[in-house]
Amino acid sequence: MLFFKSKEQKELDFILAELKNFLSNNYKDQAHSCRKMLGEKSEAYYREGRLTKSQYRHYQDLYKEYSNVMRNYHH
């Protein structure tokens, strides 16, 4: 069991926190940007071997969850 988070996990968690903050303040464009970044960075880190498969699945599940929540967010 790991007791610390990697630099990559901390970065993804920060993006996720920003996403949640933008959603709570109804900043849809910024929230979409964070959601996209979460998906892209988690994919890139996994391909580079910087995330384990379970970490990757965790962040991809969050990406899919927020994609679903935000599917009707547009101007």
N, C-alpha and C. Protein backbone atom coordinates (compact mmCIF):
# COMPACT_ATOMS: atom_id res chain seq x y z
N MET A 1 0.84 -1.19 0.00
CA MET A 1 0.00 0.00 0.00
C MET A 1 0.88 1.25 0.00
N LEU A 2 0.56 2.19 -0.85
CA LEU A 2 1.32 3.43 -0.92
C LEU A 2 0.77 4.45 0.06
N PHE A 3 1.68 5.14 0.71
CA PHE A 3 1.27 6.16 1.67
C PHE A 3 1.49 7.56 1.14
N PHE A 4 1.93 7.65 -0.09
CA PHE A 4 2.15 8.95 -0.70
C PHE A 4 1.64 8.90 -2.14
N LYS A 5 1.45 10.06 -2.70
CA LYS A 5 1.01 10.14 -4.08
C LYS A 5 2.16 10.63 -4.94
N SER A 6 2.20 10.13 -6.13
CA SER A 6 3.23 10.56 -7.07
C SER A 6 2.96 11.99 -7.52
N LYS A 7 3.96 12.57 -8.13
CA LYS A 7 3.82 13.92 -8.68
C LYS A 7 2.68 13.96 -9.69
N GLU A 8 2.56 12.91 -10.49
CA GLU A 8 1.51 12.84 -11.50
C GLU A 8 0.12 12.77 -10.86
N GLN A 9 -0.01 11.97 -9.82
CA GLN A 9 -1.29 11.87 -9.12
C GLN A 9 -1.66 13.20 -8.47
N LYS A 10 -0.69 13.88 -7.89
CA LYS A 10 -0.96 15.17 -7.28
C LYS A 10 -1.42 16.17 -8.34
N GLU A 11 -0.80 16.13 -9.52
CA GLU A 11 -1.21 17.03 -10.60
C GLU A 11 -2.63 16.72 -11.06
N LEU A 12 -2.95 15.45 -11.23
CA LEU A 12 -4.29 15.05 -11.65
C LEU A 12 -5.33 15.40 -10.58
N ASP A 13 -4.97 15.23 -9.32
CA ASP A 13 -5.88 15.60 -8.23
C ASP A 13 -6.12 17.11 -8.20
N PHE A 14 -5.09 17.88 -8.51
CA PHE A 14 -5.23 19.34 -8.57
C PHE A 14 -6.18 19.74 -9.70
N ILE A 15 -6.02 19.11 -10.86
CA ILE A 15 -6.91 19.37 -12.00
C ILE A 15 -8.34 19.01 -11.61
N LEU A 16 -8.51 17.90 -10.94
CA LEU A 16 -9.83 17.47 -10.50
C LEU A 16 -10.44 18.46 -9.52
N ALA A 17 -9.64 18.97 -8.60
CA ALA A 17 -10.13 19.97 -7.63
C ALA A 17 -10.55 21.26 -8.35
N GLU A 18 -9.76 21.67 -9.34
CA GLU A 18 -10.13 22.85 -10.12
C GLU A 18 -11.43 22.61 -10.87
N LEU A 19 -11.57 21.43 -11.45
CA LEU A 19 -12.79 21.07 -12.18
C LEU A 19 -14.01 21.20 -11.27
N LYS A 20 -13.91 20.63 -10.08
CA LYS A 20 -15.02 20.69 -9.13
C LYS A 20 -15.32 22.14 -8.73
N ASN A 21 -14.28 22.92 -8.54
CA ASN A 21 -14.46 24.32 -8.18
C ASN A 21 -15.16 25.09 -9.30
N PHE A 22 -14.72 24.90 -10.53
CA PHE A 22 -15.34 25.58 -11.66
C PHE A 22 -16.81 25.16 -11.82
N LEU A 23 -17.08 23.89 -11.62
CA LEU A 23 -18.47 23.44 -11.71
C LEU A 23 -19.33 24.07 -10.63
N SER A 24 -18.81 24.16 -9.43
CA SER A 24 -19.60 24.73 -8.33
C SER A 24 -19.85 26.23 -8.54
N ASN A 25 -18.98 26.89 -9.29
CA ASN A 25 -19.15 28.31 -9.57
C ASN A 25 -19.76 28.57 -10.94
N ASN A 26 -20.18 27.50 -11.61
CA ASN A 26 -20.85 27.58 -12.91
C ASN A 26 -19.96 28.16 -14.01
N TYR A 27 -18.66 27.92 -13.93
CA TYR A 27 -17.72 28.33 -14.98
C TYR A 27 -17.57 27.17 -15.95
N LYS A 28 -18.48 27.06 -16.89
CA LYS A 28 -18.58 25.88 -17.74
C LYS A 28 -17.38 25.72 -18.68
N ASP A 29 -16.91 26.80 -19.28
CA ASP A 29 -15.79 26.69 -20.22
C ASP A 29 -14.53 26.20 -19.51
N GLN A 30 -14.25 26.76 -18.33
CA GLN A 30 -13.08 26.33 -17.57
C GLN A 30 -13.23 24.89 -17.09
N ALA A 31 -14.44 24.52 -16.72
CA ALA A 31 -14.70 23.15 -16.28
C ALA A 31 -14.47 22.17 -17.43
N HIS A 32 -14.93 22.51 -18.63
CA HIS A 32 -14.69 21.66 -19.80
C HIS A 32 -13.20 21.53 -20.07
N SER A 33 -12.48 22.61 -19.94
CA SER A 33 -11.04 22.59 -20.16
C SER A 33 -10.34 21.66 -19.17
N CYS A 34 -10.72 21.74 -17.91
CA CYS A 34 -10.13 20.87 -16.88
C CYS A 34 -10.48 19.41 -17.13
N ARG A 35 -11.72 19.15 -17.52
CA ARG A 35 -12.15 17.78 -17.80
C ARG A 35 -11.32 17.20 -18.93
N LYS A 36 -11.15 17.97 -19.98
CA LYS A 36 -10.35 17.52 -21.13
C LYS A 36 -8.90 17.25 -20.71
N MET A 37 -8.34 18.16 -19.91
CA MET A 37 -6.96 18.02 -19.45
C MET A 37 -6.81 16.77 -18.58
N LEU A 38 -7.79 16.49 -17.73
CA LEU A 38 -7.76 15.30 -16.88
C LEU A 38 -7.67 14.04 -17.75
N GLY A 39 -8.50 13.97 -18.77
CA GLY A 39 -8.49 12.81 -19.66
C GLY A 39 -7.18 12.68 -20.42
N GLU A 40 -6.71 13.77 -20.98
CA GLU A 40 -5.49 13.74 -21.78
C GLU A 40 -4.25 13.42 -20.95
N LYS A 41 -4.13 14.07 -19.80
CA LYS A 41 -2.94 13.84 -18.97
C LYS A 41 -2.93 12.43 -18.36
N SER A 42 -4.07 11.95 -17.92
CA SER A 42 -4.08 10.59 -17.36
C SER A 42 -3.72 9.57 -18.45
N GLU A 43 -4.21 9.79 -19.65
CA GLU A 43 -3.86 8.91 -20.78
C GLU A 43 -2.36 8.97 -21.07
N ALA A 44 -1.81 10.17 -21.13
CA ALA A 44 -0.39 10.34 -21.43
C ALA A 44 0.49 9.72 -20.33
N TYR A 45 0.15 9.97 -19.08
CA TYR A 45 0.94 9.43 -17.97
C TYR A 45 0.91 7.90 -17.97
N TYR A 46 -0.23 7.33 -18.30
CA TYR A 46 -0.32 5.87 -18.35
C TYR A 46 0.53 5.32 -19.49
N ARG A 47 0.45 5.93 -20.66
CA ARG A 47 1.25 5.48 -21.80
C ARG A 47 2.74 5.58 -21.51
N GLU A 48 3.13 6.60 -20.74
CA GLU A 48 4.54 6.80 -20.39
C GLU A 48 4.97 5.92 -19.22
N GLY A 49 4.05 5.18 -18.63
CA GLY A 49 4.37 4.31 -17.50
C GLY A 49 4.46 5.05 -16.18
N ARG A 50 3.89 6.23 -16.11
CA ARG A 50 3.97 7.03 -14.90
C ARG A 50 2.76 6.85 -14.00
N LEU A 51 1.74 6.12 -14.47
CA LEU A 51 0.58 5.72 -13.67
C LEU A 51 0.42 4.22 -13.80
N THR A 52 0.03 3.58 -12.71
CA THR A 52 -0.28 2.15 -12.77
C THR A 52 -1.63 1.98 -13.46
N LYS A 53 -1.94 0.75 -13.80
CA LYS A 53 -3.22 0.47 -14.46
C LYS A 53 -4.39 0.86 -13.55
N SER A 54 -4.30 0.56 -12.26
CA SER A 54 -5.41 0.90 -11.35
C SER A 54 -5.53 2.41 -11.18
N GLN A 55 -4.42 3.12 -11.12
CA GLN A 55 -4.47 4.58 -11.03
C GLN A 55 -5.09 5.16 -12.30
N TYR A 56 -4.67 4.63 -13.44
CA TYR A 56 -5.21 5.08 -14.72
C TYR A 56 -6.72 4.86 -14.78
N ARG A 57 -7.16 3.67 -14.39
CA ARG A 57 -8.60 3.39 -14.39
C ARG A 57 -9.36 4.34 -13.48
N HIS A 58 -8.79 4.65 -12.33
CA HIS A 58 -9.43 5.58 -11.38
C HIS A 58 -9.66 6.94 -12.05
N TYR A 59 -8.62 7.49 -12.65
CA TYR A 59 -8.75 8.81 -13.27
C TYR A 59 -9.61 8.77 -14.52
N GLN A 60 -9.56 7.69 -15.27
CA GLN A 60 -10.42 7.58 -16.45
C GLN A 60 -11.88 7.43 -16.03
N ASP A 61 -12.14 6.73 -14.95
CA ASP A 61 -13.51 6.63 -14.43
C ASP A 61 -14.03 8.01 -14.04
N LEU A 62 -13.19 8.81 -13.39
CA LEU A 62 -13.59 10.17 -13.03
C LEU A 62 -13.83 11.01 -14.28
N TYR A 63 -12.95 10.86 -15.26
CA TYR A 63 -13.11 11.59 -16.52
C TYR A 63 -14.45 11.24 -17.17
N LYS A 64 -14.77 9.96 -17.22
CA LYS A 64 -16.04 9.52 -17.82
C LYS A 64 -17.23 10.02 -17.01
N GLU A 65 -17.10 9.98 -15.69
CA GLU A 65 -18.19 10.45 -14.82
C GLU A 65 -18.47 11.93 -15.07
N TYR A 66 -17.42 12.75 -15.10
CA TYR A 66 -17.62 14.17 -15.33
C TYR A 66 -18.04 14.45 -16.77
N SER A 67 -17.59 13.65 -17.72
CA SER A 67 -18.06 13.81 -19.10
C SER A 67 -19.55 13.59 -19.17
N ASN A 68 -20.03 12.60 -18.45
CA ASN A 68 -21.46 12.32 -18.41
C ASN A 68 -22.24 13.46 -17.74
N VAL A 69 -21.72 13.93 -16.61
CA VAL A 69 -22.37 15.02 -15.88
C VAL A 69 -22.45 16.27 -16.74
N MET A 70 -21.39 16.52 -17.53
CA MET A 70 -21.27 17.77 -18.27
C MET A 70 -21.75 17.67 -19.71
N ARG A 71 -22.34 16.57 -20.10
CA ARG A 71 -22.71 16.36 -21.50
C ARG A 71 -23.66 17.42 -22.05
N ASN A 72 -24.46 18.05 -21.22
CA ASN A 72 -25.38 19.09 -21.68
C ASN A 72 -24.94 20.50 -21.30
N TYR A 73 -23.67 20.63 -20.90
CA TYR A 73 -23.15 21.96 -20.53
C TYR A 73 -22.64 22.65 -21.78
N HIS A 74 -23.42 23.58 -22.27
CA HIS A 74 -22.99 24.40 -23.39
C HIS A 74 -23.75 25.71 -23.35
N HIS A 75 -23.31 26.62 -24.14
CA HIS A 75 -23.95 27.95 -24.14
C HIS A 75 -25.15 27.97 -25.04
